[in-house]
């Protein structure tokens, strides 16, 4: 939660909003806070709880420590902590692979290796605005993408995919990984290959993931379905922009590409899975409530404003879109907390009976 809040504050500061932060340079580490500190800790904690081995908690503990180190203006140590966290996550997936040799675990393992590569580029590069840093962002995008796709395959493992579906998926994943490898070798034009692979994966998810069947259900299942489908659409938007523009180092279209992915795609996945994953990790019931649609709709509407601002290069739209992005995430936390309090109260009442 601290990583998320600091990530929101630094993101607003980067957009030009005057918000207080612990030290003047923290805004430079917005990506490390959001991807490593928040998302890395969330994924690491989820997998450590599932593995049920104490050493596995090294992954979320290390990524959480990076947040504290950044708050004390120790960026090099913080990035090394993220590097350790990615190594620990690789070890977690390797342990899972030894017991269950499934393709979705292999996919998530490769995603963790991408996180390791991205963190390594940030650790061993001194300049915040060098090409290596932007290559690291592509690696982090691959980490989030392959982790989410792997988790969707894990949840859909009872569903039989045709040969065409399997060929489509692994060709798309191969395009992302192949393009990333060529990009790291110094050929910047291969960024279009990475984005093209992302676009193909978005189409694959819309076509074959069970989310489209969930839209026909009611209650929590339908909410999860809408969250997933809307996220897949933003993944397609990010891939399309990247395919058309190629390799970018900052600027409005870079902002659109990165935030269509991390805000539109990744946070839609978090919104949809939170009522299921948070109770499993925290042991706190979070009953579904219809007002969950409020933070989901605000997220997408505000992101649309931001993307339009990027497209026409209008700073005020980008700033207000970013501010409303932050409001949507805070509303999500509030709604989740209120649902958790209500769920805990109902649970205690039922035990008394």
Protein backbone atom coordinates (compact mmCIF):
# COMPACT_ATOMS: atom_id res chain seq x y z
CA UNK A 1 0.00 0.00 0.00
CA UNK A 2 2.89 2.36 0.77
CA UNK A 3 4.43 1.61 -2.63
CA UNK A 4 1.11 2.27 -4.33
CA UNK A 5 0.53 5.56 -2.51
CA UNK A 6 4.08 6.76 -3.20
CA UNK A 7 3.70 5.67 -6.81
CA UNK A 8 0.53 7.74 -7.14
CA UNK A 9 2.17 10.79 -5.55
CA UNK A 10 5.25 10.59 -7.76
CA UNK A 11 3.11 10.04 -10.84
CA UNK A 12 1.14 13.19 -10.13
CA UNK A 13 4.38 15.09 -9.54
CA UNK A 14 5.70 13.96 -12.92
CA UNK A 15 2.53 15.30 -14.53
CA UNK A 16 3.14 18.72 -12.99
CA UNK A 17 0.80 18.60 -9.99
CA UNK A 18 2.19 20.18 -6.83
CA UNK A 19 2.08 17.37 -4.29
CA UNK A 20 4.41 16.82 -1.30
CA UNK A 21 6.89 13.96 -1.38
CA UNK A 22 9.55 12.73 1.08
CA UNK A 23 12.49 14.08 -0.95
CA UNK A 24 12.86 16.08 -4.19
CA UNK A 25 14.16 13.18 -6.32
CA UNK A 26 11.57 10.55 -5.46
CA UNK A 27 9.43 11.38 -8.52
CA UNK A 28 12.23 10.02 -10.74
CA UNK A 29 11.56 6.54 -9.38
CA UNK A 30 7.84 6.41 -10.17
CA UNK A 31 8.26 3.30 -12.36
CA UNK A 32 10.31 1.44 -9.77
CA UNK A 33 7.73 2.19 -7.09
CA UNK A 34 4.75 1.07 -9.16
CA UNK A 35 6.19 -1.93 -11.03
CA UNK A 36 8.73 -3.23 -8.54
CA UNK A 37 7.52 -1.92 -5.20
CA UNK A 38 3.79 -2.44 -5.72
CA UNK A 39 3.23 -4.97 -8.49
CA UNK A 40 6.32 -7.02 -7.68
CA UNK A 41 5.38 -7.24 -4.01
CA UNK A 42 1.79 -8.17 -4.86
CA UNK A 43 2.81 -10.96 -7.24
CA UNK A 44 5.58 -12.18 -4.94
CA UNK A 45 3.27 -12.29 -1.93
CA UNK A 46 0.58 -14.13 -3.87
CA UNK A 47 3.05 -16.79 -4.98
CA UNK A 48 4.75 -17.08 -1.58
CA UNK A 49 1.40 -17.71 0.11
CA UNK A 50 0.55 -20.35 -2.50
CA UNK A 51 3.94 -22.10 -2.17
CA UNK A 52 3.75 -22.21 1.66
CA UNK A 53 7.50 -22.14 2.19
CA UNK A 54 9.09 -19.47 4.40
CA UNK A 55 12.03 -18.75 2.11
CA UNK A 56 9.61 -17.72 -0.66
CA UNK A 57 8.72 -14.57 1.32
CA UNK A 58 12.15 -13.21 0.39
CA UNK A 59 10.57 -12.05 -2.90
CA UNK A 60 7.86 -9.75 -1.46
CA UNK A 61 10.06 -8.68 1.47
CA UNK A 62 12.89 -7.61 -0.86
CA UNK A 63 10.58 -5.71 -3.20
CA UNK A 64 8.87 -4.04 -0.23
CA UNK A 65 12.27 -3.04 1.20
CA UNK A 66 13.03 -1.25 -2.08
CA UNK A 67 10.20 1.16 -1.29
CA UNK A 68 11.67 2.03 2.11
CA UNK A 69 15.10 2.53 0.55
CA UNK A 70 13.69 4.85 -2.11
CA UNK A 71 11.94 6.89 0.57
CA UNK A 72 15.36 7.37 2.22
CA UNK A 73 16.88 8.38 -1.15
CA UNK A 74 18.95 5.22 -1.60
CA UNK A 75 18.07 4.36 -5.21
CA UNK A 76 21.04 2.06 -5.93
CA UNK A 77 20.30 -0.09 -2.88
CA UNK A 78 16.59 -0.05 -3.72
CA UNK A 79 17.22 -1.31 -7.25
CA UNK A 80 19.53 -4.02 -5.91
CA UNK A 81 16.69 -5.04 -3.59
CA UNK A 82 14.38 -5.35 -6.61
CA UNK A 83 17.07 -7.43 -8.33
CA UNK A 84 17.09 -9.82 -5.34
CA UNK A 85 13.27 -9.92 -5.35
CA UNK A 86 13.21 -10.96 -9.02
CA UNK A 87 15.77 -13.70 -8.32
CA UNK A 88 13.62 -14.98 -5.46
CA UNK A 89 10.52 -14.97 -7.69
CA UNK A 90 12.42 -16.98 -10.31
CA UNK A 91 13.30 -19.49 -7.57
CA UNK A 92 9.62 -19.70 -6.56
CA UNK A 93 8.51 -20.50 -10.10
CA UNK A 94 11.37 -22.97 -10.54
CA UNK A 95 10.21 -24.81 -7.41
CA UNK A 96 6.65 -24.87 -8.76
CA UNK A 97 7.94 -26.08 -12.15
CA UNK A 98 9.75 -29.01 -10.53
CA UNK A 99 6.46 -30.23 -9.04
CA UNK A 100 4.09 -29.26 -11.86
CA UNK A 101 5.62 -28.96 -15.33
CA UNK A 102 2.92 -26.83 -16.92
CA UNK A 103 3.18 -24.24 -19.64
CA UNK A 104 1.57 -21.49 -17.56
CA UNK A 105 4.27 -21.84 -14.86
CA UNK A 106 6.94 -21.74 -17.57
CA UNK A 107 5.37 -18.56 -18.96
CA UNK A 108 5.37 -16.88 -15.55
CA UNK A 109 8.96 -18.02 -15.00
CA UNK A 110 9.99 -16.30 -18.23
CA UNK A 111 8.12 -13.21 -17.06
CA UNK A 112 10.12 -13.21 -13.82
CA UNK A 113 13.34 -13.43 -15.88
CA UNK A 114 12.17 -10.33 -17.79
CA UNK A 115 11.73 -8.55 -14.44
CA UNK A 116 15.28 -9.58 -13.54
CA UNK A 117 16.61 -8.19 -16.83
CA UNK A 118 14.72 -4.93 -16.42
CA UNK A 119 15.89 -4.47 -12.84
CA UNK A 120 19.44 -5.31 -13.90
CA UNK A 121 19.40 -2.60 -16.58
CA UNK A 122 18.32 -0.06 -13.97
CA UNK A 123 20.88 -1.26 -11.42
CA UNK A 124 23.90 -1.18 -13.71
CA UNK A 125 23.07 2.04 -15.58
CA UNK A 126 23.80 5.40 -13.98
CA UNK A 127 21.64 7.67 -16.15
CA UNK A 128 17.89 7.89 -15.59
CA UNK A 129 17.23 9.00 -19.14
CA UNK A 130 19.52 6.68 -21.11
CA UNK A 131 18.22 4.11 -23.63
CA UNK A 132 18.95 1.29 -21.16
CA UNK A 133 16.30 2.66 -18.81
CA UNK A 134 13.65 2.58 -21.55
CA UNK A 135 14.74 -0.95 -22.47
CA UNK A 136 14.20 -1.81 -18.81
CA UNK A 137 10.63 -0.51 -19.03
CA UNK A 138 9.97 -2.85 -21.96
CA UNK A 139 11.32 -5.72 -19.83
CA UNK A 140 8.99 -4.74 -16.99
CA UNK A 141 6.05 -4.63 -19.38
CA UNK A 142 6.94 -8.16 -20.53
CA UNK A 143 7.10 -9.23 -16.87
CA UNK A 144 3.58 -7.98 -16.15
CA UNK A 145 2.19 -9.27 -19.45
CA UNK A 146 3.56 -12.81 -19.20
CA UNK A 147 2.59 -13.07 -15.53
CA UNK A 148 -1.00 -12.07 -16.25
CA UNK A 149 -1.27 -14.32 -19.32
CA UNK A 150 0.20 -17.20 -17.30
CA UNK A 151 -2.31 -16.65 -14.52
CA UNK A 152 -5.18 -16.57 -17.01
CA UNK A 153 -3.95 -19.87 -18.48
CA UNK A 154 -3.74 -21.27 -14.95
CA UNK A 155 -7.35 -20.32 -14.28
CA UNK A 156 -8.43 -21.67 -17.68
CA UNK A 157 -6.42 -24.89 -17.41
CA UNK A 158 -9.52 -27.09 -17.59
CA UNK A 159 -10.46 -25.50 -20.91
CA UNK A 160 -9.22 -27.35 -24.01
CA UNK A 161 -7.52 -25.07 -26.54
CA UNK A 162 -7.39 -26.00 -30.20
CA UNK A 163 -4.12 -26.29 -32.08
CA UNK A 164 -4.84 -22.95 -33.76
CA UNK A 165 -5.35 -21.27 -30.38
CA UNK A 166 -2.11 -22.69 -29.01
CA UNK A 167 -0.16 -21.75 -32.13
CA UNK A 168 -1.59 -18.19 -32.01
CA UNK A 169 -0.68 -17.74 -28.35
CA UNK A 170 2.86 -19.05 -28.48
CA UNK A 171 3.61 -17.21 -31.73
CA UNK A 172 2.48 -13.99 -30.03
CA UNK A 173 4.56 -14.70 -26.93
CA UNK A 174 7.50 -15.54 -29.18
CA UNK A 175 7.12 -12.19 -30.94
CA UNK A 176 7.25 -10.34 -27.60
CA UNK A 177 10.28 -12.27 -26.36
CA UNK A 178 12.08 -12.24 -29.72
CA UNK A 179 11.52 -8.51 -30.14
CA UNK A 180 12.70 -7.89 -26.59
CA UNK A 181 15.87 -9.91 -27.15
CA UNK A 182 16.67 -7.99 -30.34
CA UNK A 183 15.90 -4.71 -28.58
CA UNK A 184 18.37 -5.55 -25.82
CA UNK A 185 20.92 -6.29 -28.54
CA UNK A 186 20.64 -2.65 -29.62
CA UNK A 187 18.18 -2.74 -32.55
CA UNK A 188 15.53 -0.22 -31.51
CA UNK A 189 13.19 -0.94 -34.43
CA UNK A 190 12.41 -4.31 -32.83
CA UNK A 191 10.22 -2.43 -30.32
CA UNK A 192 7.50 -2.67 -33.00
CA UNK A 193 7.82 -6.46 -32.82
CA UNK A 194 7.26 -6.37 -29.04
CA UNK A 195 4.20 -4.15 -29.47
CA UNK A 196 2.88 -6.32 -32.29
CA UNK A 197 3.15 -9.37 -30.05
CA UNK A 198 1.24 -7.51 -27.33
CA UNK A 199 -1.51 -6.67 -29.81
CA UNK A 200 -1.77 -10.32 -30.91
CA UNK A 201 -1.99 -11.43 -27.27
CA UNK A 202 -4.79 -8.91 -26.68
CA UNK A 203 -6.76 -10.37 -29.60
CA UNK A 204 -6.05 -13.90 -28.32
CA UNK A 205 -7.35 -13.07 -24.84
CA UNK A 206 -10.48 -11.47 -26.25
CA UNK A 207 -11.08 -14.53 -28.43
CA UNK A 208 -10.16 -17.45 -26.18
CA UNK A 209 -10.16 -16.35 -22.54
CA UNK A 210 -13.18 -17.32 -20.47
CA UNK A 211 -13.78 -13.66 -19.63
CA UNK A 212 -16.20 -13.27 -22.54
CA UNK A 213 -18.38 -16.05 -21.10
CA UNK A 214 -18.30 -14.39 -17.69
CA UNK A 215 -20.09 -11.35 -19.11
CA UNK A 216 -23.26 -13.46 -19.35
CA UNK A 217 -23.21 -14.23 -15.62
CA UNK A 218 -24.24 -12.08 -12.66
CA UNK A 219 -22.68 -10.49 -9.60
CA UNK A 220 -18.94 -10.89 -9.00
CA UNK A 221 -18.41 -13.16 -12.01
CA UNK A 222 -19.82 -10.54 -14.37
CA UNK A 223 -17.77 -7.77 -12.75
CA UNK A 224 -14.59 -9.81 -13.18
CA UNK A 225 -15.54 -10.43 -16.80
CA UNK A 226 -15.97 -6.73 -17.55
CA UNK A 227 -12.70 -5.91 -15.77
CA UNK A 228 -10.80 -8.47 -17.82
CA UNK A 229 -12.34 -7.60 -21.19
CA UNK A 230 -11.80 -3.87 -20.67
CA UNK A 231 -8.20 -4.56 -19.67
CA UNK A 232 -7.62 -6.61 -22.82
CA UNK A 233 -8.89 -3.70 -24.89
CA UNK A 234 -6.37 -1.34 -23.28
CA UNK A 235 -3.63 -3.90 -23.91
CA UNK A 236 -4.62 -3.72 -27.57
CA UNK A 237 -4.49 0.09 -27.47
CA UNK A 238 -1.00 0.01 -25.98
CA UNK A 239 0.19 -2.51 -28.56
CA UNK A 240 -1.32 -0.51 -31.42
CA UNK A 241 0.33 2.75 -30.36
CA UNK A 242 3.67 1.01 -29.92
CA UNK A 243 3.34 -0.72 -33.29
CA UNK A 244 2.65 2.57 -35.08
CA UNK A 245 5.23 4.72 -33.29
CA UNK A 246 8.08 2.27 -32.71
CA UNK A 247 10.75 2.85 -30.08
CA UNK A 248 10.06 5.88 -27.91
CA UNK A 249 12.12 7.60 -25.23
CA UNK A 250 9.71 9.85 -23.39
CA UNK A 251 7.11 12.21 -24.78
CA UNK A 252 3.32 12.17 -25.02
CA UNK A 253 2.98 8.99 -27.08
CA UNK A 254 5.36 7.17 -24.74
CA UNK A 255 3.11 8.22 -21.87
CA UNK A 256 0.10 6.87 -23.77
CA UNK A 257 1.78 3.53 -24.56
CA UNK A 258 3.06 2.88 -21.04
CA UNK A 259 -0.05 3.98 -19.17
CA UNK A 260 -2.53 2.28 -21.49
CA UNK A 261 -0.61 -0.85 -20.49
CA UNK A 262 0.05 -0.37 -16.78
CA UNK A 263 -3.06 1.65 -15.85
CA UNK A 264 -5.59 0.33 -18.36
CA UNK A 265 -4.50 -3.29 -18.62
CA UNK A 266 -2.70 -4.12 -15.37
CA UNK A 267 -4.96 -2.22 -12.99
CA UNK A 268 -8.09 -3.57 -14.67
CA UNK A 269 -6.70 -7.05 -13.92
CA UNK A 270 -6.06 -6.03 -10.30
CA UNK A 271 -9.55 -4.54 -9.94
CA UNK A 272 -11.14 -7.69 -11.29
CA UNK A 273 -9.13 -10.21 -9.29
CA UNK A 274 -8.90 -8.29 -6.00
CA UNK A 275 -12.19 -9.70 -4.54
CA UNK A 276 -10.77 -13.21 -5.13
CA UNK A 277 -7.01 -12.85 -4.53
CA UNK A 278 -7.04 -10.51 -1.52
CA UNK A 279 -9.15 -12.87 0.63
CA UNK A 280 -6.86 -15.78 -0.29
CA UNK A 281 -3.71 -13.81 0.60
CA UNK A 282 -4.96 -11.79 3.58
CA UNK A 283 -7.59 -14.18 4.96
CA UNK A 284 -10.19 -11.36 4.97
CA UNK A 285 -13.53 -11.85 3.17
CA UNK A 286 -14.32 -9.20 0.54
CA UNK A 287 -17.94 -9.63 -0.59
CA UNK A 288 -18.85 -8.26 -4.01
CA UNK A 289 -20.82 -5.01 -4.14
CA UNK A 290 -22.27 -3.33 -7.27
CA UNK A 291 -20.47 -0.08 -6.46
CA UNK A 292 -17.22 -1.81 -7.50
CA UNK A 293 -18.17 -0.66 -11.00
CA UNK A 294 -17.57 2.93 -9.86
CA UNK A 295 -13.80 2.63 -9.64
CA UNK A 296 -13.66 0.50 -12.78
CA UNK A 297 -15.59 3.05 -14.85
CA UNK A 298 -13.62 5.98 -13.41
CA UNK A 299 -10.37 4.23 -14.29
CA UNK A 300 -11.31 3.75 -17.93
CA UNK A 301 -12.94 7.16 -18.45
CA UNK A 302 -10.00 9.00 -16.87
CA UNK A 303 -7.50 6.98 -18.89
CA UNK A 304 -9.40 7.84 -22.07
CA UNK A 305 -9.06 11.53 -21.18
CA UNK A 306 -5.35 11.05 -20.60
CA UNK A 307 -4.79 9.18 -23.87
CA UNK A 308 -6.69 11.84 -25.83
CA UNK A 309 -4.51 14.47 -24.16
CA UNK A 310 -1.43 12.53 -25.24
CA UNK A 311 -2.72 12.10 -28.79
CA UNK A 312 -3.35 15.82 -29.33
CA UNK A 313 -0.45 16.84 -27.04
CA UNK A 314 -2.67 18.83 -24.68
CA UNK A 315 -1.02 18.93 -21.25
CA UNK A 316 -4.13 19.93 -19.32
CA UNK A 317 -6.04 16.83 -20.47
CA UNK A 318 -3.06 14.61 -19.66
CA UNK A 319 -2.79 16.16 -16.19
CA UNK A 320 -6.49 15.84 -15.35
CA UNK A 321 -6.63 12.35 -16.79
CA UNK A 322 -3.69 11.36 -14.59
CA UNK A 323 -5.29 12.97 -11.54
CA UNK A 324 -8.51 11.03 -12.13
CA UNK A 325 -6.45 7.84 -12.67
CA UNK A 326 -5.14 8.37 -9.14
CA UNK A 327 -8.69 9.02 -7.88
CA UNK A 328 -9.89 5.75 -9.43
CA UNK A 329 -7.14 3.76 -7.69
CA UNK A 330 -7.85 5.45 -4.35
CA UNK A 331 -11.59 4.79 -4.81
CA UNK A 332 -10.74 1.15 -5.48
CA UNK A 333 -8.83 0.98 -2.19
CA UNK A 334 -11.70 2.65 -0.35
CA UNK A 335 -14.37 0.37 -1.81
CA UNK A 336 -12.25 -2.71 -1.14
CA UNK A 337 -11.58 -1.63 2.45
CA UNK A 338 -15.28 -0.95 3.12
CA UNK A 339 -16.23 -4.32 1.61
CA UNK A 340 -13.57 -6.02 3.75
CA UNK A 341 -14.93 -4.36 6.92
CA UNK A 342 -18.45 -5.42 6.02
CA UNK A 343 -17.31 -8.95 5.17
CA UNK A 344 -15.45 -9.25 8.49
CA UNK A 345 -18.48 -8.00 10.41
CA UNK A 346 -20.78 -10.50 8.67
CA UNK A 347 -18.28 -13.31 9.29
CA UNK A 348 -18.06 -12.53 13.01
CA UNK A 349 -21.84 -12.29 13.29
CA UNK A 350 -22.29 -15.69 11.66
CA UNK A 351 -19.76 -17.25 14.06
CA UNK A 352 -21.65 -15.94 17.09
CA UNK A 353 -24.77 -17.64 15.84
